[in-house]
Amino acid sequence: KELAYQSLINTLGEREYLADYAHKLTYIPIVTRELHPGALNGRITALIENGELERAAGVELTAQDSRVLICGNPQMVDDTRQLLKQRDMQLSLSRRPGQVAVENYW
């Protein structure tokens, strides 16, 4: 149930208007409670702190080369923003572009 959009995300590269950019998207399913084959397990903040997210993606989260969208409950969003801020990744605002976009789930 938590991975409801997985099949849609996996087919984004097949869409003609995204074909030139699909190689830049790395989808890594993450679940926090039950184990799921092919998914990381744990809180996103812990996976960033312990390096497991970067290992799974095969890339380092850096201000120079990364863009991150954080969507979820306000506490998780704030905690994740703080971790990324420690890596010099800034919130993207209309007056100042950055590496982090945020959408609060509620």
PDB file of N, CA and C in Angstrom:
ATOM      1  N   LYS A   1       0.821  -1.194   0.000  1.00  0.00           N
ATOM      2  CA  LYS A   1       0.000   0.000   0.000  1.00  0.00           C
ATOM      3  C   LYS A   1       0.864   1.256   0.000  1.00  0.00           C
ATOM      4  N   GLU A   2       1.947   1.273   0.792  1.00  0.00           N
ATOM      5  CA  GLU A   2       2.794   2.455   0.863  1.00  0.00           C
ATOM      6  C   GLU A   2       3.490   2.751  -0.461  1.00  0.00           C
ATOM      7  N   LEU A   3       3.680   1.751  -1.289  1.00  0.00           N
ATOM      8  CA  LEU A   3       4.381   1.937  -2.551  1.00  0.00           C
ATOM      9  C   LEU A   3       3.398   2.018  -3.716  1.00  0.00           C
ATOM     10  N   ALA A   4       2.292   2.679  -3.490  1.00  0.00           N
ATOM     11  CA  ALA A   4       1.193   2.732  -4.448  1.00  0.00           C
ATOM     12  C   ALA A   4       1.591   3.313  -5.798  1.00  0.00           C
ATOM     13  N   TYR A   5       2.544   4.223  -5.845  1.00  0.00           N
ATOM     14  CA  TYR A   5       2.910   4.879  -7.101  1.00  0.00           C
ATOM     15  C   TYR A   5       4.159   4.282  -7.745  1.00  0.00           C
ATOM     16  N   GLN A   6       4.661   3.191  -7.203  1.00  0.00           N
ATOM     17  CA  GLN A   6       5.905   2.612  -7.689  1.00  0.00           C
ATOM     18  C   GLN A   6       5.847   2.268  -9.178  1.00  0.00           C
ATOM     19  N   SER A   7       4.798   1.627  -9.631  1.00  0.00           N
ATOM     20  CA  SER A   7       4.730   1.241 -11.047  1.00  0.00           C
ATOM     21  C   SER A   7       4.675   2.471 -11.950  1.00  0.00           C
ATOM     22  N   LEU A   8       3.985   3.511 -11.530  1.00  0.00           N
ATOM     23  CA  LEU A   8       3.927   4.751 -12.310  1.00  0.00           C
ATOM     24  C   LEU A   8       5.311   5.404 -12.380  1.00  0.00           C
ATOM     25  N   ILE A   9       5.977   5.509 -11.259  1.00  0.00           N
ATOM     26  CA  ILE A   9       7.306   6.122 -11.220  1.00  0.00           C
ATOM     27  C   ILE A   9       8.285   5.332 -12.080  1.00  0.00           C
ATOM     28  N   ASN A  10       8.210   4.019 -12.034  1.00  0.00           N
ATOM     29  CA  ASN A  10       9.123   3.181 -12.811  1.00  0.00           C
ATOM     30  C   ASN A  10       8.940   3.333 -14.315  1.00  0.00           C
ATOM     31  N   THR A  11       7.803   3.830 -14.765  1.00  0.00           N
ATOM     32  CA  THR A  11       7.558   3.986 -16.205  1.00  0.00           C
ATOM     33  C   THR A  11       7.741   5.423 -16.692  1.00  0.00           C
ATOM     34  N   LEU A  12       8.182   6.327 -15.840  1.00  0.00           N
ATOM     35  CA  LEU A  12       8.339   7.721 -16.259  1.00  0.00           C
ATOM     36  C   LEU A  12       9.282   7.868 -17.449  1.00  0.00           C
ATOM     37  N   GLY A  13      10.326   7.072 -17.502  1.00  0.00           N
ATOM     38  CA  GLY A  13      11.277   7.146 -18.604  1.00  0.00           C
ATOM     39  C   GLY A  13      10.695   6.771 -19.948  1.00  0.00           C
ATOM     40  N   GLU A  14       9.555   6.117 -19.960  1.00  0.00           N
ATOM     41  CA  GLU A  14       8.905   5.725 -21.206  1.00  0.00           C
ATOM     42  C   GLU A  14       8.071   6.859 -21.796  1.00  0.00           C
ATOM     43  N   ARG A  15       7.867   7.897 -21.039  1.00  0.00           N
ATOM     44  CA  ARG A  15       7.083   9.034 -21.528  1.00  0.00           C
ATOM     45  C   ARG A  15       7.979   9.917 -22.386  1.00  0.00           C
ATOM     46  N   GLU A  16       7.530  10.189 -23.599  1.00  0.00           N
ATOM     47  CA  GLU A  16       8.348  10.911 -24.568  1.00  0.00           C
ATOM     48  C   GLU A  16       8.849  12.252 -24.036  1.00  0.00           C
ATOM     49  N   TYR A  17       7.992  12.999 -23.366  1.00  0.00           N
ATOM     50  CA  TYR A  17       8.377  14.327 -22.892  1.00  0.00           C
ATOM     51  C   TYR A  17       9.366  14.283 -21.725  1.00  0.00           C
ATOM     52  N   LEU A  18       9.583  13.117 -21.133  1.00  0.00           N
ATOM     53  CA  LEU A  18      10.549  12.971 -20.040  1.00  0.00           C
ATOM     54  C   LEU A  18      11.794  12.179 -20.446  1.00  0.00           C
ATOM     55  N   ALA A  19      11.812  11.671 -21.651  1.00  0.00           N
ATOM     56  CA  ALA A  19      12.877  10.760 -22.075  1.00  0.00           C
ATOM     57  C   ALA A  19      14.274  11.350 -21.898  1.00  0.00           C
ATOM     58  N   ASP A  20      14.436  12.636 -22.141  1.00  0.00           N
ATOM     59  CA  ASP A  20      15.754  13.262 -22.026  1.00  0.00           C
ATOM     60  C   ASP A  20      16.202  13.462 -20.583  1.00  0.00           C
ATOM     61  N   TYR A  21      15.278  13.337 -19.640  1.00  0.00           N
ATOM     62  CA  TYR A  21      15.594  13.630 -18.240  1.00  0.00           C
ATOM     63  C   TYR A  21      15.458  12.431 -17.303  1.00  0.00           C
ATOM     64  N   ALA A  22      14.838  11.384 -17.755  1.00  0.00           N
ATOM     65  CA  ALA A  22      14.541  10.238 -16.887  1.00  0.00           C
ATOM     66  C   ALA A  22      15.796   9.641 -16.257  1.00  0.00           C
ATOM     67  N   HIS A  23      16.908   9.685 -16.948  1.00  0.00           N
ATOM     68  CA  HIS A  23      18.152   9.118 -16.407  1.00  0.00           C
ATOM     69  C   HIS A  23      18.659   9.883 -15.181  1.00  0.00           C
ATOM     70  N   LYS A  24      18.131  11.080 -14.964  1.00  0.00           N
ATOM     71  CA  LYS A  24      18.554  11.888 -13.815  1.00  0.00           C
ATOM     72  C   LYS A  24      17.738  11.590 -12.555  1.00  0.00           C
ATOM     73  N   LEU A  25      16.681  10.838 -12.694  1.00  0.00           N
ATOM     74  CA  LEU A  25      15.816  10.512 -11.564  1.00  0.00           C
ATOM     75  C   LEU A  25      16.208   9.157 -10.984  1.00  0.00           C
ATOM     76  N   THR A  26      16.434   9.149  -9.687  1.00  0.00           N
ATOM     77  CA  THR A  26      16.704   7.896  -8.995  1.00  0.00           C
ATOM     78  C   THR A  26      15.568   7.654  -8.018  1.00  0.00           C
ATOM     79  N   TYR A  27      14.831   6.587  -8.216  1.00  0.00           N
ATOM     80  CA  TYR A  27      13.717   6.243  -7.331  1.00  0.00           C
ATOM     81  C   TYR A  27      14.174   5.162  -6.371  1.00  0.00           C
ATOM     82  N   ILE A  28      14.092   5.461  -5.098  1.00  0.00           N
ATOM     83  CA  ILE A  28      14.469   4.501  -4.069  1.00  0.00           C
ATOM     84  C   ILE A  28      13.290   4.359  -3.118  1.00  0.00           C
ATOM     85  N   PRO A  29      12.561   3.257  -3.184  1.00  0.00           N
ATOM     86  CA  PRO A  29      11.436   3.076  -2.259  1.00  0.00           C
ATOM     87  C   PRO A  29      11.944   2.894  -0.829  1.00  0.00           C
ATOM     88  N   ILE A  30      11.255   3.539   0.095  1.00  0.00           N
ATOM     89  CA  ILE A  30      11.616   3.466   1.514  1.00  0.00           C
ATOM     90  C   ILE A  30      10.348   3.259   2.320  1.00  0.00           C
ATOM     91  N   VAL A  31      10.369   2.283   3.194  1.00  0.00           N
ATOM     92  CA  VAL A  31       9.241   2.047   4.099  1.00  0.00           C
ATOM     93  C   VAL A  31       9.757   2.131   5.531  1.00  0.00           C
ATOM     94  N   THR A  32       8.895   2.573   6.429  1.00  0.00           N
ATOM     95  CA  THR A  32       9.339   2.772   7.806  1.00  0.00           C
ATOM     96  C   THR A  32       8.934   1.652   8.746  1.00  0.00           C
ATOM     97  N   ARG A  33       7.936   0.882   8.397  1.00  0.00           N
ATOM     98  CA  ARG A  33       7.455  -0.137   9.335  1.00  0.00           C
ATOM     99  C   ARG A  33       7.786  -1.542   8.849  1.00  0.00           C
ATOM    100  N   GLU A  34       6.945  -2.095   8.002  1.00  0.00           N
ATOM    101  CA  GLU A  34       7.144  -3.475   7.555  1.00  0.00           C
ATOM    102  C   GLU A  34       8.253  -3.537   6.506  1.00  0.00           C
ATOM    103  N   LEU A  35       8.881  -4.688   6.403  1.00  0.00           N
ATOM    104  CA  LEU A  35       9.897  -4.903   5.384  1.00  0.00           C
ATOM    105  C   LEU A  35       9.213  -5.119   4.045  1.00  0.00           C
ATOM    106  N   HIS A  36       9.830  -4.638   2.988  1.00  0.00           N
ATOM    107  CA  HIS A  36       9.294  -4.798   1.642  1.00  0.00           C
ATOM    108  C   HIS A  36      10.470  -5.114   0.724  1.00  0.00           C
ATOM    109  N   PRO A  37      10.363  -6.166  -0.091  1.00  0.00           N
ATOM    110  CA  PRO A  37      11.465  -6.531  -0.988  1.00  0.00           C
ATOM    111  C   PRO A  37      11.854  -5.363  -1.895  1.00  0.00           C
ATOM    112  N   GLY A  38      13.133  -5.068  -1.961  1.00  0.00           N
ATOM    113  CA  GLY A  38      13.625  -4.011  -2.837  1.00  0.00           C
ATOM    114  C   GLY A  38      13.536  -2.615  -2.261  1.00  0.00           C
ATOM    115  N   ALA A  39      13.045  -2.473  -1.046  1.00  0.00           N
ATOM    116  CA  ALA A  39      12.903  -1.153  -0.427  1.00  0.00           C
ATOM    117  C   ALA A  39      13.848  -1.028   0.764  1.00  0.00           C
ATOM    118  N   LEU A  40      14.325   0.193   0.980  1.00  0.00           N
ATOM    119  CA  LEU A  40      15.062   0.464   2.214  1.00  0.00           C
ATOM    120  C   LEU A  40      14.064   0.509   3.355  1.00  0.00           C
ATOM    121  N   ASN A  41      14.541   0.224   4.551  1.00  0.00           N
ATOM    122  CA  ASN A  41      13.656   0.230   5.711  1.00  0.00           C
ATOM    123  C   ASN A  41      14.225   1.150   6.780  1.00  0.00           C
ATOM    124  N   GLY A  42      13.413   2.119   7.213  1.00  0.00           N
ATOM    125  CA  GLY A  42      13.827   3.026   8.276  1.00  0.00           C
ATOM    126  C   GLY A  42      13.358   4.436   8.013  1.00  0.00           C
ATOM    127  N   ARG A  43      13.596   5.299   8.969  1.00  0.00           N
ATOM    128  CA  ARG A  43      13.250   6.709   8.806  1.00  0.00           C
ATOM    129  C   ARG A  43      14.254   7.361   7.859  1.00  0.00           C
ATOM    130  N   ILE A  44      13.754   8.247   7.022  1.00  0.00           N
ATOM    131  CA  ILE A  44      14.613   8.897   6.030  1.00  0.00           C
ATOM    132  C   ILE A  44      15.769   9.632   6.693  1.00  0.00           C
ATOM    133  N   THR A  45      15.509  10.236   7.849  1.00  0.00           N
ATOM    134  CA  THR A  45      16.582  10.951   8.543  1.00  0.00           C
ATOM    135  C   THR A  45      17.706   9.996   8.944  1.00  0.00           C
ATOM    136  N   ALA A  46      17.352   8.827   9.439  1.00  0.00           N
ATOM    137  CA  ALA A  46      18.370   7.838   9.820  1.00  0.00           C
ATOM    138  C   ALA A  46      19.125   7.342   8.592  1.00  0.00           C
ATOM    139  N   LEU A  47      18.424   7.153   7.478  1.00  0.00           N
ATOM    140  CA  LEU A  47      19.054   6.659   6.253  1.00  0.00           C
ATOM    141  C   LEU A  47      20.005   7.693   5.658  1.00  0.00           C
ATOM    142  N   ILE A  48      19.710   8.969   5.859  1.00  0.00           N
ATOM    143  CA  ILE A  48      20.636  10.022   5.429  1.00  0.00           C
ATOM    144  C   ILE A  48      21.841  10.053   6.364  1.00  0.00           C
ATOM    145  N   GLU A  49      21.575  10.037   7.665  1.00  0.00           N
ATOM    146  CA  GLU A  49      22.660  10.127   8.648  1.00  0.00           C
ATOM    147  C   GLU A  49      23.646   8.965   8.557  1.00  0.00           C
ATOM    148  N   ASN A  50      23.134   7.756   8.345  1.00  0.00           N
ATOM    149  CA  ASN A  50      24.045   6.601   8.327  1.00  0.00           C
ATOM    150  C   ASN A  50      24.614   6.294   6.933  1.00  0.00           C
ATOM    151  N   GLY A  51      24.226   7.090   5.927  1.00  0.00           N
ATOM    152  CA  GLY A  51      24.776   6.935   4.585  1.00  0.00           C
ATOM    153  C   GLY A  51      24.110   5.870   3.739  1.00  0.00           C
ATOM    154  N   GLU A  52      23.126   5.172   4.293  1.00  0.00           N
ATOM    155  CA  GLU A  52      22.486   4.087   3.551  1.00  0.00           C
ATOM    156  C   GLU A  52      21.735   4.593   2.318  1.00  0.00           C
ATOM    157  N   LEU A  53      21.112   5.761   2.414  1.00  0.00           N
ATOM    158  CA  LEU A  53      20.393   6.317   1.265  1.00  0.00           C
ATOM    159  C   LEU A  53      21.359   6.599   0.115  1.00  0.00           C
ATOM    160  N   GLU A  54      22.481   7.203   0.423  1.00  0.00           N
ATOM    161  CA  GLU A  54      23.467   7.508  -0.614  1.00  0.00           C
ATOM    162  C   GLU A  54      24.057   6.233  -1.218  1.00  0.00           C
ATOM    163  N   ARG A  55      24.298   5.234  -0.393  1.00  0.00           N
ATOM    164  CA  ARG A  55      24.811   3.949  -0.911  1.00  0.00           C
ATOM    165  C   ARG A  55      23.808   3.318  -1.875  1.00  0.00           C
ATOM    166  N   ALA A  56      22.530   3.351  -1.509  1.00  0.00           N
ATOM    167  CA  ALA A  56      21.496   2.757  -2.368  1.00  0.00           C
ATOM    168  C   ALA A  56      21.364   3.519  -3.682  1.00  0.00           C
ATOM    169  N   ALA A  57      21.506   4.837  -3.622  1.00  0.00           N
ATOM    170  CA  ALA A  57      21.382   5.663  -4.825  1.00  0.00           C
ATOM    171  C   ALA A  57      22.642   5.623  -5.679  1.00  0.00           C
ATOM    172  N   GLY A  58      23.756   5.327  -5.043  1.00  0.00           N
ATOM    173  CA  GLY A  58      25.017   5.331  -5.774  1.00  0.00           C
ATOM    174  C   GLY A  58      25.544   6.727  -6.035  1.00  0.00           C
ATOM    175  N   VAL A  59      25.030   7.705  -5.322  1.00  0.00           N
ATOM    176  CA  VAL A  59      25.478   9.094  -5.449  1.00  0.00           C
ATOM    177  C   VAL A  59      25.508   9.739  -4.064  1.00  0.00           C
ATOM    178  N   GLU A  60      26.304  10.784  -3.959  1.00  0.00           N
ATOM    179  CA  GLU A  60      26.405  11.532  -2.717  1.00  0.00           C
ATOM    180  C   GLU A  60      25.439  12.715  -2.765  1.00  0.00           C
ATOM    181  N   LEU A  61      24.780  12.993  -1.659  1.00  0.00           N
ATOM    182  CA  LEU A  61      23.918  14.173  -1.560  1.00  0.00           C
ATOM    183  C   LEU A  61      24.798  15.397  -1.340  1.00  0.00           C
ATOM    184  N   THR A  62      24.918  16.233  -2.375  1.00  0.00           N
ATOM    185  CA  THR A  62      25.737  17.438  -2.262  1.00  0.00           C
ATOM    186  C   THR A  62      24.967  18.640  -2.779  1.00  0.00           C
ATOM    187  N   ALA A  63      25.329  19.804  -2.288  1.00  0.00           N
ATOM    188  CA  ALA A  63      24.696  21.041  -2.743  1.00  0.00           C
ATOM    189  C   ALA A  63      25.010  21.304  -4.215  1.00  0.00           C
ATOM    190  N   GLN A  64      26.140  20.831  -4.685  1.00  0.00           N
ATOM    191  CA  GLN A  64      26.544  21.079  -6.069  1.00  0.00           C
ATOM    192  C   GLN A  64      25.784  20.216  -7.078  1.00  0.00           C
ATOM    193  N   ASP A  65      25.461  18.987  -6.699  1.00  0.00           N
ATOM    194  CA  ASP A  65      24.937  18.039  -7.685  1.00  0.00           C
ATOM    195  C   ASP A  65      23.563  17.457  -7.386  1.00  0.00           C
ATOM    196  N   SER A  66      22.930  17.860  -6.286  1.00  0.00           N
ATOM    197  CA  SER A  66      21.682  17.204  -5.885  1.00  0.00           C
ATOM    198  C   SER A  66      20.519  18.184  -5.793  1.00  0.00           C
ATOM    199  N   ARG A  67      19.336  17.660  -6.057  1.00  0.00           N
ATOM    200  CA  ARG A  67      18.082  18.375  -5.832  1.00  0.00           C
ATOM    201  C   ARG A  67      17.189  17.403  -5.083  1.00  0.00           C
ATOM    202  N   VAL A  68      16.529  17.880  -4.030  1.00  0.00           N
ATOM    203  CA  VAL A  68      15.739  17.009  -3.167  1.00  0.00           C
ATOM    204  C   VAL A  68      14.346  17.587  -2.986  1.00  0.00           C
ATOM    205  N   LEU A  69      13.328  16.747  -3.126  1.00  0.00           N
ATOM    206  CA  LEU A  69      11.952  17.111  -2.793  1.00  0.00           C
ATOM    207  C   LEU A  69      11.597  16.348  -1.533  1.00  0.00           C
ATOM    208  N   ILE A  70      11.201  17.084  -0.504  1.00  0.00           N
ATOM    209  CA  ILE A  70      10.787  16.467   0.757  1.00  0.00           C
ATOM    210  C   ILE A  70       9.286  16.647   0.881  1.00  0.00           C
ATOM    211  N   CYS A  71       8.571  15.549   1.024  1.00  0.00           N
ATOM    212  CA  CYS A  71       7.121  15.597   1.175  1.00  0.00           C
ATOM    213  C   CYS A  71       6.732  14.650   2.297  1.00  0.00           C
ATOM    214  N   GLY A  72       5.962  15.154   3.246  1.00  0.00           N
ATOM    215  CA  GLY A  72       5.533  14.301   4.345  1.00  0.00           C
ATOM    216  C   GLY A  72       5.046  15.115   5.519  1.00  0.00           C
ATOM    217  N   ASN A  73       5.028  14.499   6.677  1.00  0.00           N
ATOM    218  CA  ASN A  73       4.531  15.206   7.849  1.00  0.00           C
ATOM    219  C   ASN A  73       5.509  16.317   8.241  1.00  0.00           C
ATOM    220  N   PRO A  74       5.003  17.374   8.851  1.00  0.00           N
ATOM    221  CA  PRO A  74       5.832  18.544   9.149  1.00  0.00           C
ATOM    222  C   PRO A  74       7.090  18.245   9.965  1.00  0.00           C
ATOM    223  N   GLN A  75       7.026  17.348  10.928  1.00  0.00           N
ATOM    224  CA  GLN A  75       8.211  17.048  11.739  1.00  0.00           C
ATOM    225  C   GLN A  75       9.294  16.370  10.909  1.00  0.00           C
ATOM    226  N   MET A  76       8.900  15.418  10.058  1.00  0.00           N
ATOM    227  CA  MET A  76       9.864  14.744   9.197  1.00  0.00           C
ATOM    228  C   MET A  76      10.481  15.739   8.220  1.00  0.00           C
ATOM    229  N   VAL A  77       9.650  16.615   7.664  1.00  0.00           N
ATOM    230  CA  VAL A  77      10.145  17.630   6.734  1.00  0.00           C
ATOM    231  C   VAL A  77      11.176  18.518   7.428  1.00  0.00           C
ATOM    232  N   ASP A  78      10.856  19.008   8.620  1.00  0.00           N
ATOM    233  CA  ASP A  78      11.787  19.874   9.360  1.00  0.00           C
ATOM    234  C   ASP A  78      13.083  19.143   9.701  1.00  0.00           C
ATOM    235  N   ASP A  79      12.968  17.913  10.180  1.00  0.00           N
ATOM    236  CA  ASP A  79      14.159  17.141  10.545  1.00  0.00           C
ATOM    237  C   ASP A  79      15.057  16.893   9.331  1.00  0.00           C
ATOM    238  N   THR A  80      14.439  16.568   8.203  1.00  0.00           N
ATOM    239  CA  THR A  80      15.203  16.300   6.985  1.00  0.00           C
ATOM    240  C   THR A  80      15.840  17.577   6.455  1.00  0.00           C
ATOM    241  N   ARG A  81      15.103  18.672   6.498  1.00  0.00           N
ATOM    242  CA  ARG A  81      15.671  19.966   6.075  1.00  0.00           C
ATOM    243  C   ARG A  81      16.907  20.309   6.889  1.00  0.00           C
ATOM    244  N   GLN A  82      16.852  20.071   8.194  1.00  0.00           N
ATOM    245  CA  GLN A  82      18.003  20.375   9.052  1.00  0.00           C
ATOM    246  C   GLN A  82      19.218  19.522   8.679  1.00  0.00           C
ATOM    247  N   LEU A  83      18.992  18.253   8.385  1.00  0.00           N
ATOM    248  CA  LEU A  83      20.100  17.389   7.961  1.00  0.00           C
ATOM    249  C   LEU A  83      20.716  17.874   6.653  1.00  0.00           C
ATOM    250  N   LEU A  84      19.861  18.265   5.717  1.00  0.00           N
ATOM    251  CA  LEU A  84      20.360  18.737   4.428  1.00  0.00           C
ATOM    252  C   LEU A  84      21.039  20.091   4.568  1.00  0.00           C
ATOM    253  N   LYS A  85      20.557  20.915   5.475  1.00  0.00           N
ATOM    254  CA  LYS A  85      21.183  22.213   5.730  1.00  0.00           C
ATOM    255  C   LYS A  85      22.618  22.025   6.218  1.00  0.00           C
ATOM    256  N   GLN A  86      22.856  20.981   6.993  1.00  0.00           N
ATOM    257  CA  GLN A  86      24.211  20.675   7.461  1.00  0.00           C
ATOM    258  C   GLN A  86      25.146  20.341   6.296  1.00  0.00           C
ATOM    259  N   ARG A  87      24.553  20.006   5.158  1.00  0.00           N
ATOM    260  CA  ARG A  87      25.324  19.705   3.944  1.00  0.00           C
ATOM    261  C   ARG A  87      25.319  20.903   2.995  1.00  0.00           C
ATOM    262  N   ASP A  88      24.964  22.067   3.521  1.00  0.00           N
ATOM    263  CA  ASP A  88      24.906  23.320   2.753  1.00  0.00           C
ATOM    264  C   ASP A  88      23.843  23.313   1.667  1.00  0.00           C
ATOM    265  N   MET A  89      22.827  22.490   1.823  1.00  0.00           N
ATOM    266  CA  MET A  89      21.717  22.477   0.880  1.00  0.00           C
ATOM    267  C   MET A  89      20.638  23.414   1.420  1.00  0.00           C
ATOM    268  N   GLN A  90      20.216  24.354   0.580  1.00  0.00           N
ATOM    269  CA  GLN A  90      19.304  25.405   0.999  1.00  0.00           C
ATOM    270  C   GLN A  90      17.910  25.208   0.409  1.00  0.00           C
ATOM    271  N   LEU A  91      16.927  25.696   1.138  1.00  0.00           N
ATOM    272  CA  LEU A  91      15.552  25.674   0.671  1.00  0.00           C
ATOM    273  C   LEU A  91      15.426  26.565  -0.555  1.00  0.00           C
ATOM    274  N   SER A  92      14.776  26.084  -1.578  1.00  0.00           N
ATOM    275  CA  SER A  92      14.560  26.855  -2.793  1.00  0.00           C
ATOM    276  C   SER A  92      13.381  27.797  -2.590  1.00  0.00           C
ATOM    277  N   LEU A  93      13.629  29.075  -2.765  1.00  0.00           N
ATOM    278  CA  LEU A  93      12.596  30.101  -2.626  1.00  0.00           C
ATOM    279  C   LEU A  93      12.491  30.869  -3.932  1.00  0.00           C
ATOM    280  N   SER A  94      11.388  31.583  -4.135  1.00  0.00           N
ATOM    281  CA  SER A  94      11.224  32.334  -5.380  1.00  0.00           C
ATOM    282  C   SER A  94      12.318  33.391  -5.540  1.00  0.00           C
ATOM    283  N   ARG A  95      12.788  33.955  -4.446  1.00  0.00           N
ATOM    284  CA  ARG A  95      13.825  34.988  -4.523  1.00  0.00           C
ATOM    285  C   ARG A  95      15.248  34.421  -4.494  1.00  0.00           C
ATOM    286  N   ARG A  96      15.369  33.111  -4.181  1.00  0.00           N
ATOM    287  CA  ARG A  96      16.685  32.504  -4.074  1.00  0.00           C
ATOM    288  C   ARG A  96      16.590  31.012  -4.388  1.00  0.00           C
ATOM    289  N   PRO A  97      17.106  30.602  -5.530  1.00  0.00           N
ATOM    290  CA  PRO A  97      17.080  29.177  -5.861  1.00  0.00           C
ATOM    291  C   PRO A  97      17.921  28.366  -4.873  1.00  0.00           C
ATOM    292  N   GLY A  98      17.506  27.141  -4.639  1.00  0.00           N
ATOM    293  CA  GLY A  98      18.242  26.259  -3.745  1.00  0.00           C
ATOM    294  C   GLY A  98      18.148  24.832  -4.229  1.00  0.00           C
ATOM    295  N   GLN A  99      18.513  23.905  -3.373  1.00  0.00           N
ATOM    296  CA  GLN A  99      18.541  22.492  -3.731  1.00  0.00           C
ATOM    297  C   GLN A  99      17.390  21.701  -3.134  1.00  0.00           C
ATOM    298  N   VAL A 100      16.612  22.313  -2.243  1.00  0.00           N
ATOM    299  CA  VAL A 100      15.579  21.588  -1.507  1.00  0.00           C
ATOM    300  C   VAL A 100      14.204  22.208  -1.756  1.00  0.00           C
ATOM    301  N   ALA A 101      13.268  21.385  -2.189  1.00  0.00           N
ATOM    302  CA  ALA A 101      11.865  21.792  -2.314  1.00  0.00           C
ATOM    303  C   ALA A 101      11.078  21.030  -1.252  1.00  0.00           C
ATOM    304  N   VAL A 102      10.053  21.675  -0.712  1.00  0.00           N
ATOM    305  CA  VAL A 102       9.304  21.100   0.400  1.00  0.00           C
ATOM    306  C   VAL A 102       7.814  21.143   0.113  1.00  0.00           C
ATOM    307  N   GLU A 103       7.148  20.046   0.462  1.00  0.00           N
ATOM    308  CA  GLU A 103       5.687  19.995   0.417  1.00  0.00           C
ATOM    309  C   GLU A 103       5.230  19.299   1.692  1.00  0.00           C
ATOM    310  N   ASN A 104       4.529  20.027   2.542  1.00  0.00           N
ATOM    311  CA  ASN A 104       4.006  19.422   3.768  1.00  0.00           C
ATOM    312  C   ASN A 104       2.770  18.607   3.435  1.00  0.00           C
ATOM    313  N   TYR A 105       2.705  17.414   3.994  1.00  0.00           N
ATOM    314  CA  TYR A 105       1.598  16.510   3.712  1.00  0.00           C
ATOM    315  C   TYR A 105       0.295  17.000   4.319  1.00  0.00           C
ATOM    316  N   TRP A 106       0.355  17.702   5.438  1.00  0.00           N
ATOM    317  CA  TRP A 106      -0.852  18.265   6.043  1.00  0.00           C
ATOM    318  C   TRP A 106      -0.550  19.561   6.707  1.00  0.00           C
TER     319      TRP A 106
END
